[in-house]
Amino acid sequence: MTDPSSTTLWLLILGTAAATMAIKAFGPVVLGGRQLPTAATRVLVLLPPVVLAALVATSALADGSTLEIDSSTAGVAAGGVLLWRGRHLLLAVLVAAAVTAVLRLLGVP
């Protein structure tokens, strides 16, 4: 017999998967090979960088329900400076991880 909470969890996972597939199928079904209007294309091109920036800001500055500046914030800032200065993405990720790790070793939360 399964635990009721695990059944609820699996139903939630399956429901989320089904909703995601429906959302992804909606665009091609509705458009049917037609071109999007120019205004919509301009907006859609801007969405990925904005969503990525929001995810980075949320993960770097939030801890659950509160805003918090900690070692991961410093790591993201260090990586961001390297990217801003035109350095390679892999270098920025490695430096961000190293800065975060060193600060945590020093006891910075």
C-alpha atoms as a PDB file:
ATOM      1  CA  MET A   1       0.000   0.000   0.000  1.00  0.00           C
ATOM      2  CA  THR A   2       1.350   3.412  -0.880  1.00  0.00           C
ATOM      3  CA  ASP A   3       1.496   6.423   1.353  1.00  0.00           C
ATOM      4  CA  PRO A   4      -1.267   8.953   0.493  1.00  0.00           C
ATOM      5  CA  SER A   5       1.267  11.775   0.395  1.00  0.00           C
ATOM      6  CA  SER A   6       3.399   9.923  -2.179  1.00  0.00           C
ATOM      7  CA  THR A   7       0.299   9.327  -4.320  1.00  0.00           C
ATOM      8  CA  THR A   8      -0.491  13.033  -4.171  1.00  0.00           C
ATOM      9  CA  LEU A   9       3.105  13.831  -5.101  1.00  0.00           C
ATOM     10  CA  TRP A  10       3.013  11.542  -8.139  1.00  0.00           C
ATOM     11  CA  LEU A  11      -0.329  12.978  -9.248  1.00  0.00           C
ATOM     12  CA  LEU A  12       1.166  16.461  -8.973  1.00  0.00           C
ATOM     13  CA  ILE A  13       4.218  15.430 -11.024  1.00  0.00           C
ATOM     14  CA  LEU A  14       2.079  13.797 -13.719  1.00  0.00           C
ATOM     15  CA  GLY A  15      -0.297  16.770 -13.812  1.00  0.00           C
ATOM     16  CA  THR A  16       2.599  19.188 -14.177  1.00  0.00           C
ATOM     17  CA  ALA A  17       4.095  17.077 -16.973  1.00  0.00           C
ATOM     18  CA  ALA A  18       0.761  16.966 -18.809  1.00  0.00           C
ATOM     19  CA  ALA A  19       0.255  20.723 -18.436  1.00  0.00           C
ATOM     20  CA  THR A  20       3.788  21.382 -19.720  1.00  0.00           C
ATOM     21  CA  MET A  21       3.234  19.196 -22.775  1.00  0.00           C
ATOM     22  CA  ALA A  22      -0.107  20.904 -23.481  1.00  0.00           C
ATOM     23  CA  ILE A  23       1.471  24.363 -23.226  1.00  0.00           C
ATOM     24  CA  LYS A  24       4.347  23.374 -25.531  1.00  0.00           C
ATOM     25  CA  ALA A  25       1.936  21.898 -28.096  1.00  0.00           C
ATOM     26  CA  PHE A  26      -0.385  24.916 -28.011  1.00  0.00           C
ATOM     27  CA  GLY A  27       1.823  27.214 -30.110  1.00  0.00           C
ATOM     28  CA  PRO A  28       2.423  24.926 -33.097  1.00  0.00           C
ATOM     29  CA  VAL A  29      -1.199  23.758 -33.132  1.00  0.00           C
ATOM     30  CA  VAL A  30      -2.604  27.296 -33.069  1.00  0.00           C
ATOM     31  CA  LEU A  31      -0.098  28.837 -35.484  1.00  0.00           C
ATOM     32  CA  GLY A  32      -0.046  25.943 -37.954  1.00  0.00           C
ATOM     33  CA  GLY A  33       3.112  27.099 -39.749  1.00  0.00           C
ATOM     34  CA  ARG A  34       2.101  30.759 -40.014  1.00  0.00           C
ATOM     35  CA  GLN A  35       4.522  33.564 -39.233  1.00  0.00           C
ATOM     36  CA  LEU A  36       4.127  35.519 -36.018  1.00  0.00           C
ATOM     37  CA  PRO A  37       3.472  39.246 -36.287  1.00  0.00           C
ATOM     38  CA  THR A  38       6.634  41.356 -36.170  1.00  0.00           C
ATOM     39  CA  ALA A  39       5.716  42.934 -32.824  1.00  0.00           C
ATOM     40  CA  ALA A  40       5.251  39.500 -31.228  1.00  0.00           C
ATOM     41  CA  THR A  41       8.574  38.293 -32.623  1.00  0.00           C
ATOM     42  CA  ARG A  42      10.381  41.300 -31.153  1.00  0.00           C
ATOM     43  CA  VAL A  43       8.903  40.580 -27.727  1.00  0.00           C
ATOM     44  CA  LEU A  44       9.611  36.837 -27.887  1.00  0.00           C
ATOM     45  CA  VAL A  45      13.266  37.464 -28.756  1.00  0.00           C
ATOM     46  CA  LEU A  46      13.638  39.478 -25.555  1.00  0.00           C
ATOM     47  CA  LEU A  47      12.049  36.898 -23.252  1.00  0.00           C
ATOM     48  CA  PRO A  48      14.928  34.377 -22.737  1.00  0.00           C
ATOM     49  CA  PRO A  49      17.483  36.925 -21.442  1.00  0.00           C
ATOM     50  CA  VAL A  50      14.905  38.510 -19.152  1.00  0.00           C
ATOM     51  CA  VAL A  51      13.773  35.167 -17.718  1.00  0.00           C
ATOM     52  CA  LEU A  52      17.402  34.062 -17.244  1.00  0.00           C
ATOM     53  CA  ALA A  53      18.248  37.325 -15.481  1.00  0.00           C
ATOM     54  CA  ALA A  54      15.234  36.908 -13.199  1.00  0.00           C
ATOM     55  CA  LEU A  55      16.272  33.350 -12.324  1.00  0.00           C
ATOM     56  CA  VAL A  56      19.856  34.403 -11.591  1.00  0.00           C
ATOM     57  CA  ALA A  57      18.738  37.356  -9.472  1.00  0.00           C
ATOM     58  CA  THR A  58      16.272  35.219  -7.545  1.00  0.00           C
ATOM     59  CA  SER A  59      18.765  32.454  -6.827  1.00  0.00           C
ATOM     60  CA  ALA A  60      21.560  34.900  -5.956  1.00  0.00           C
ATOM     61  CA  LEU A  61      19.556  37.203  -3.722  1.00  0.00           C
ATOM     62  CA  ALA A  62      16.753  35.134  -2.205  1.00  0.00           C
ATOM     63  CA  ASP A  63      16.780  32.508   0.486  1.00  0.00           C
ATOM     64  CA  GLY A  64      13.299  31.066   0.690  1.00  0.00           C
ATOM     65  CA  SER A  65      11.008  33.987   1.410  1.00  0.00           C
ATOM     66  CA  THR A  66      13.581  36.636   2.355  1.00  0.00           C
ATOM     67  CA  LEU A  67      16.194  38.617   0.487  1.00  0.00           C
ATOM     68  CA  GLU A  68      19.691  37.681   1.539  1.00  0.00           C
ATOM     69  CA  ILE A  69      23.128  38.706   0.316  1.00  0.00           C
ATOM     70  CA  ASP A  70      25.620  35.916   0.956  1.00  0.00           C
ATOM     71  CA  SER A  71      28.576  34.106  -0.576  1.00  0.00           C
ATOM     72  CA  SER A  72      26.605  32.959  -3.619  1.00  0.00           C
ATOM     73  CA  THR A  73      25.710  36.583  -4.342  1.00  0.00           C
ATOM     74  CA  ALA A  74      29.408  37.458  -4.376  1.00  0.00           C
ATOM     75  CA  GLY A  75      30.130  34.496  -6.668  1.00  0.00           C
ATOM     76  CA  VAL A  76      27.446  35.531  -9.136  1.00  0.00           C
ATOM     77  CA  ALA A  77      28.745  39.109  -9.046  1.00  0.00           C
ATOM     78  CA  ALA A  78      32.300  37.930  -9.768  1.00  0.00           C
ATOM     79  CA  GLY A  79      31.112  35.809 -12.684  1.00  0.00           C
ATOM     80  CA  GLY A  80      28.981  38.672 -13.967  1.00  0.00           C
ATOM     81  CA  VAL A  81      31.927  41.060 -13.941  1.00  0.00           C
ATOM     82  CA  LEU A  82      33.991  38.602 -15.981  1.00  0.00           C
ATOM     83  CA  LEU A  83      31.189  38.211 -18.523  1.00  0.00           C
ATOM     84  CA  TRP A  84      30.743  41.962 -18.659  1.00  0.00           C
ATOM     85  CA  ARG A  85      34.454  42.314 -19.388  1.00  0.00           C
ATOM     86  CA  GLY A  86      34.106  39.857 -22.294  1.00  0.00           C
ATOM     87  CA  ARG A  87      35.674  36.800 -20.720  1.00  0.00           C
ATOM     88  CA  HIS A  88      34.672  33.231 -21.607  1.00  0.00           C
ATOM     89  CA  LEU A  89      31.523  31.780 -20.012  1.00  0.00           C
ATOM     90  CA  LEU A  90      33.355  28.729 -18.627  1.00  0.00           C
ATOM     91  CA  LEU A  91      35.902  30.969 -16.901  1.00  0.00           C
ATOM     92  CA  ALA A  92      33.096  33.050 -15.389  1.00  0.00           C
ATOM     93  CA  VAL A  93      31.334  29.954 -14.049  1.00  0.00           C
ATOM     94  CA  LEU A  94      34.553  28.550 -12.569  1.00  0.00           C
ATOM     95  CA  VAL A  95      35.465  31.863 -10.931  1.00  0.00           C
ATOM     96  CA  ALA A  96      31.926  32.250  -9.564  1.00  0.00           C
ATOM     97  CA  ALA A  97      32.098  28.760  -8.041  1.00  0.00           C
ATOM     98  CA  ALA A  98      35.577  29.396  -6.636  1.00  0.00           C
ATOM     99  CA  VAL A  99      34.623  32.734  -5.064  1.00  0.00           C
ATOM    100  CA  THR A 100      31.540  31.161  -3.483  1.00  0.00           C
ATOM    101  CA  ALA A 101      33.534  28.187  -2.183  1.00  0.00           C
ATOM    102  CA  VAL A 102      36.328  30.332  -0.715  1.00  0.00           C
ATOM    103  CA  LEU A 103      33.878  32.637   1.021  1.00  0.00           C
ATOM    104  CA  ARG A 104      32.032  29.655   2.501  1.00  0.00           C
ATOM    105  CA  LEU A 105      35.342  28.193   3.686  1.00  0.00           C
ATOM    106  CA  LEU A 106      36.042  31.517   5.404  1.00  0.00           C
ATOM    107  CA  GLY A 107      32.714  31.287   7.193  1.00  0.00           C
ATOM    108  CA  VAL A 108      30.688  33.772   5.189  1.00  0.00           C
ATOM    109  CA  PRO A 109      27.155  32.374   5.035  1.00  0.00           C
END
